[in-house]
N, C-alpha and C. Protein backbone atom coordinates (compact mmCIF):
# COMPACT_ATOMS: atom_id res chain seq x y z
N MET A 1 43.79 103.27 -187.73
CA MET A 1 42.88 103.89 -187.21
C MET A 1 42.92 105.09 -188.01
N ASN A 2 41.66 105.45 -188.29
CA ASN A 2 41.90 107.03 -189.21
C ASN A 2 41.68 108.61 -188.35
N LYS A 3 43.05 109.53 -188.63
CA LYS A 3 42.96 110.33 -187.76
C LYS A 3 42.09 111.37 -188.19
N PRO A 4 41.38 112.05 -187.51
CA PRO A 4 40.88 113.47 -188.35
C PRO A 4 41.76 114.46 -188.76
N THR A 5 41.30 114.72 -189.70
CA THR A 5 42.51 115.47 -190.52
C THR A 5 42.34 117.45 -189.96
N ARG A 6 42.76 118.07 -189.72
CA ARG A 6 42.63 119.23 -189.04
C ARG A 6 42.64 120.37 -190.21
N GLN A 7 41.76 121.21 -190.54
CA GLN A 7 41.50 121.91 -191.43
C GLN A 7 42.53 123.41 -191.50
N PRO A 8 42.84 123.81 -192.51
CA PRO A 8 43.42 124.62 -192.66
C PRO A 8 43.30 126.11 -191.96
N ALA A 9 43.70 126.90 -190.81
CA ALA A 9 43.17 127.99 -190.65
C ALA A 9 42.74 129.13 -191.96
N THR A 10 41.86 129.74 -191.65
CA THR A 10 41.69 130.57 -192.30
C THR A 10 42.37 131.79 -192.35
N ARG A 11 42.19 132.84 -193.41
CA ARG A 11 43.26 134.18 -192.84
C ARG A 11 42.63 134.98 -191.57
N ALA A 12 41.36 134.81 -191.34
CA ALA A 12 41.01 135.72 -190.20
C ALA A 12 41.08 134.99 -189.14
N GLN A 13 41.03 133.61 -189.24
CA GLN A 13 41.92 132.93 -187.86
C GLN A 13 43.21 133.39 -187.65
N LEU A 14 43.88 133.28 -188.50
CA LEU A 14 45.28 133.69 -188.41
C LEU A 14 45.33 135.01 -187.68
N GLU A 15 45.08 136.08 -188.37
CA GLU A 15 44.99 137.45 -187.56
C GLU A 15 44.01 137.55 -186.34
N ALA A 16 42.99 136.90 -185.88
CA ALA A 16 42.92 136.88 -184.65
C ALA A 16 43.56 136.14 -183.77
N LEU A 17 44.76 135.27 -184.17
CA LEU A 17 45.21 134.50 -183.05
C LEU A 17 46.83 135.42 -183.19
N GLU A 18 47.07 135.96 -184.15
CA GLU A 18 48.13 136.76 -184.35
C GLU A 18 47.78 138.47 -183.33
N THR A 19 46.32 138.56 -183.44
CA THR A 19 46.53 139.63 -182.31
C THR A 19 46.42 139.37 -181.31
N GLU A 20 45.84 137.93 -180.59
CA GLU A 20 45.70 137.36 -179.41
C GLU A 20 46.90 137.51 -178.87
N LEU A 21 48.05 136.50 -179.77
CA LEU A 21 49.77 136.97 -179.05
C LEU A 21 50.16 137.64 -178.97
N VAL A 22 50.11 139.25 -179.75
CA VAL A 22 50.86 140.22 -179.84
C VAL A 22 50.40 140.97 -178.21
N LYS A 23 48.67 140.36 -177.80
CA LYS A 23 48.46 141.17 -176.98
C LYS A 23 48.89 140.59 -175.78
N ARG A 24 48.93 139.20 -175.68
CA ARG A 24 49.90 138.48 -174.83
C ARG A 24 51.60 138.85 -174.33
N GLU A 25 51.79 138.89 -175.53
CA GLU A 25 53.58 139.38 -175.36
C GLU A 25 53.57 140.37 -174.96
N GLN A 26 52.88 141.47 -175.37
CA GLN A 26 52.70 142.92 -174.43
C GLN A 26 52.55 142.74 -172.78
N LYS A 27 51.70 142.20 -172.35
CA LYS A 27 51.86 142.25 -171.45
C LYS A 27 52.64 141.25 -170.50
N LEU A 28 53.46 140.07 -171.21
CA LEU A 28 54.26 139.18 -170.55
C LEU A 28 55.30 140.49 -170.41
N VAL A 29 56.08 141.32 -171.63
CA VAL A 29 57.01 142.31 -171.40
C VAL A 29 56.95 142.94 -170.49
N ALA A 30 55.19 144.06 -170.10
CA ALA A 30 54.92 144.79 -169.25
C ALA A 30 55.15 144.17 -167.74
N ASP A 31 54.89 142.39 -167.63
CA ASP A 31 54.94 142.05 -166.09
C ASP A 31 56.62 141.86 -165.81
N LEU A 32 57.19 141.49 -166.69
CA LEU A 32 59.28 141.30 -166.52
C LEU A 32 59.31 142.57 -166.33
N GLN A 33 59.05 143.59 -166.97
CA GLN A 33 59.57 144.93 -166.48
C GLN A 33 59.35 145.91 -165.60
N GLY A 34 58.42 144.98 -164.66
CA GLY A 34 57.50 145.96 -163.44
C GLY A 34 58.92 145.89 -162.57
N ALA A 35 58.76 146.98 -161.30
CA ALA A 35 59.86 146.92 -160.38
C ALA A 35 59.56 145.58 -159.41
N HIS A 36 60.56 144.90 -158.76
CA HIS A 36 60.69 144.03 -157.79
C HIS A 36 60.67 144.65 -156.41
N ASP A 37 59.74 143.74 -155.19
CA ASP A 37 59.62 144.01 -154.32
C ASP A 37 61.32 144.69 -153.34
N LYS A 38 61.78 145.47 -152.35
CA LYS A 38 62.53 145.52 -151.68
C LYS A 38 62.99 144.60 -150.95
N ASP A 39 61.90 143.79 -150.53
CA ASP A 39 62.50 142.57 -149.55
C ASP A 39 63.06 141.80 -150.22
N LEU A 40 64.13 140.92 -149.87
CA LEU A 40 64.77 140.25 -150.81
C LEU A 40 63.97 138.73 -150.79
N GLU A 41 63.47 138.12 -150.01
CA GLU A 41 62.57 136.93 -149.43
C GLU A 41 61.59 136.89 -150.90
N GLU A 42 60.99 138.21 -150.98
CA GLU A 42 59.63 138.16 -152.12
C GLU A 42 60.49 138.21 -153.56
N GLN A 43 61.89 139.20 -153.51
CA GLN A 43 62.54 139.04 -154.83
C GLN A 43 63.05 137.98 -155.42
N ALA A 44 63.00 136.73 -154.36
CA ALA A 44 63.44 135.64 -155.15
C ALA A 44 62.11 135.28 -155.52
N ILE A 45 61.30 134.92 -154.92
CA ILE A 45 59.92 134.57 -155.12
C ILE A 45 60.10 135.19 -156.58
N GLU A 46 59.87 136.82 -156.84
CA GLU A 46 59.37 137.09 -157.78
C GLU A 46 60.44 137.10 -159.23
N ARG A 47 61.80 136.57 -158.64
CA ARG A 47 62.48 136.21 -160.14
C ARG A 47 62.30 134.97 -160.44
N GLN A 48 61.59 133.40 -159.35
CA GLN A 48 61.48 132.16 -160.39
C GLN A 48 60.08 132.43 -161.16
N THR A 49 59.60 133.76 -161.18
CA THR A 49 58.09 134.09 -161.54
C THR A 49 58.67 134.58 -162.94
N ASP A 50 59.76 135.56 -162.89
CA ASP A 50 60.34 136.09 -164.17
C ASP A 50 61.13 134.92 -165.32
N GLU A 51 61.46 133.59 -164.19
CA GLU A 51 61.53 132.80 -165.23
C GLU A 51 60.38 132.33 -166.26
N VAL A 52 59.51 131.97 -165.06
CA VAL A 52 58.17 131.46 -165.98
C VAL A 52 58.09 132.47 -167.50
N TRP A 53 57.89 133.74 -167.05
CA TRP A 53 57.56 134.46 -167.61
C TRP A 53 58.73 134.42 -169.15
N ASP A 54 59.72 134.56 -168.60
CA ASP A 54 60.49 134.15 -169.95
C ASP A 54 60.39 133.20 -170.46
N ALA A 55 60.17 132.02 -170.07
CA ALA A 55 59.71 130.85 -171.14
C ALA A 55 58.46 131.07 -171.75
N LEU A 56 57.47 131.64 -171.10
CA LEU A 56 55.95 132.14 -171.88
C LEU A 56 56.32 132.99 -173.05
N LEU A 57 56.96 133.79 -172.80
CA LEU A 57 57.12 135.12 -173.59
C LEU A 57 58.05 134.43 -174.98
N ILE A 58 59.19 133.34 -174.70
CA ILE A 58 60.05 132.75 -176.18
C ILE A 58 58.35 131.71 -176.55
N GLN A 59 57.99 131.32 -175.97
CA GLN A 59 56.62 130.27 -176.61
C GLN A 59 55.52 131.10 -177.46
N THR A 60 55.66 132.26 -176.82
CA THR A 60 54.63 132.99 -176.99
C THR A 60 55.05 133.87 -178.59
N ARG A 61 56.67 134.51 -178.32
CA ARG A 61 57.35 134.94 -179.76
C ARG A 61 57.30 133.88 -181.02
N ASN A 62 57.80 132.72 -180.11
CA ASN A 62 57.52 131.14 -181.46
C ASN A 62 56.45 131.13 -182.09
N GLU A 63 54.89 131.30 -181.26
CA GLU A 63 53.67 131.21 -182.27
C GLU A 63 53.62 132.15 -183.04
N LEU A 64 54.12 133.38 -182.44
CA LEU A 64 53.69 134.55 -183.04
C LEU A 64 54.41 134.61 -184.93
N ALA A 65 55.52 134.13 -184.76
CA ALA A 65 56.38 133.87 -185.80
C ALA A 65 56.03 132.82 -186.94
N GLU A 66 55.67 132.01 -186.18
CA GLU A 66 54.65 130.94 -187.01
C GLU A 66 53.62 131.34 -187.56
N VAL A 67 52.86 131.92 -186.93
CA VAL A 67 51.75 132.55 -187.09
C VAL A 67 51.72 133.83 -188.61
N ARG A 68 52.71 134.11 -188.41
CA ARG A 68 52.92 135.43 -188.90
C ARG A 68 53.43 134.82 -190.25
N ALA A 69 54.01 133.59 -190.39
CA ALA A 69 54.82 132.45 -191.65
C ALA A 69 53.58 132.67 -192.12
N ALA A 70 52.68 131.85 -191.52
CA ALA A 70 51.84 131.38 -192.39
C ALA A 70 50.87 132.66 -192.98
N LEU A 71 50.79 133.22 -192.49
CA LEU A 71 50.12 134.78 -193.03
C LEU A 71 50.70 135.01 -194.20
N LEU A 72 52.12 135.18 -194.15
CA LEU A 72 52.68 135.41 -195.28
C LEU A 72 52.61 134.46 -196.55
N ARG A 73 52.28 132.90 -196.09
CA ARG A 73 52.18 131.86 -197.14
C ARG A 73 50.98 132.21 -197.72
N LEU A 74 49.77 132.93 -197.41
CA LEU A 74 48.78 132.87 -198.30
C LEU A 74 48.39 134.05 -198.70
N LEU A 75 49.47 134.70 -198.92
CA LEU A 75 49.87 135.94 -199.66
C LEU A 75 49.59 135.51 -201.54
């Protein structure tokens, strides 16, 4: 069975994706740097959420690196 082939992204698409990823990265960093609640139970929940944000931040930074590498290849 033939798979549909993916068309290569254009420079404009890659730049738009880069902008989106930078904004996502900035929001995640801001969320991670926010103050934690003084209530210990609430802090525990917030710290679990921080682990998710950390994973999302790593994923976002990896995607951003891939997009930037693709942009460099287009030069």
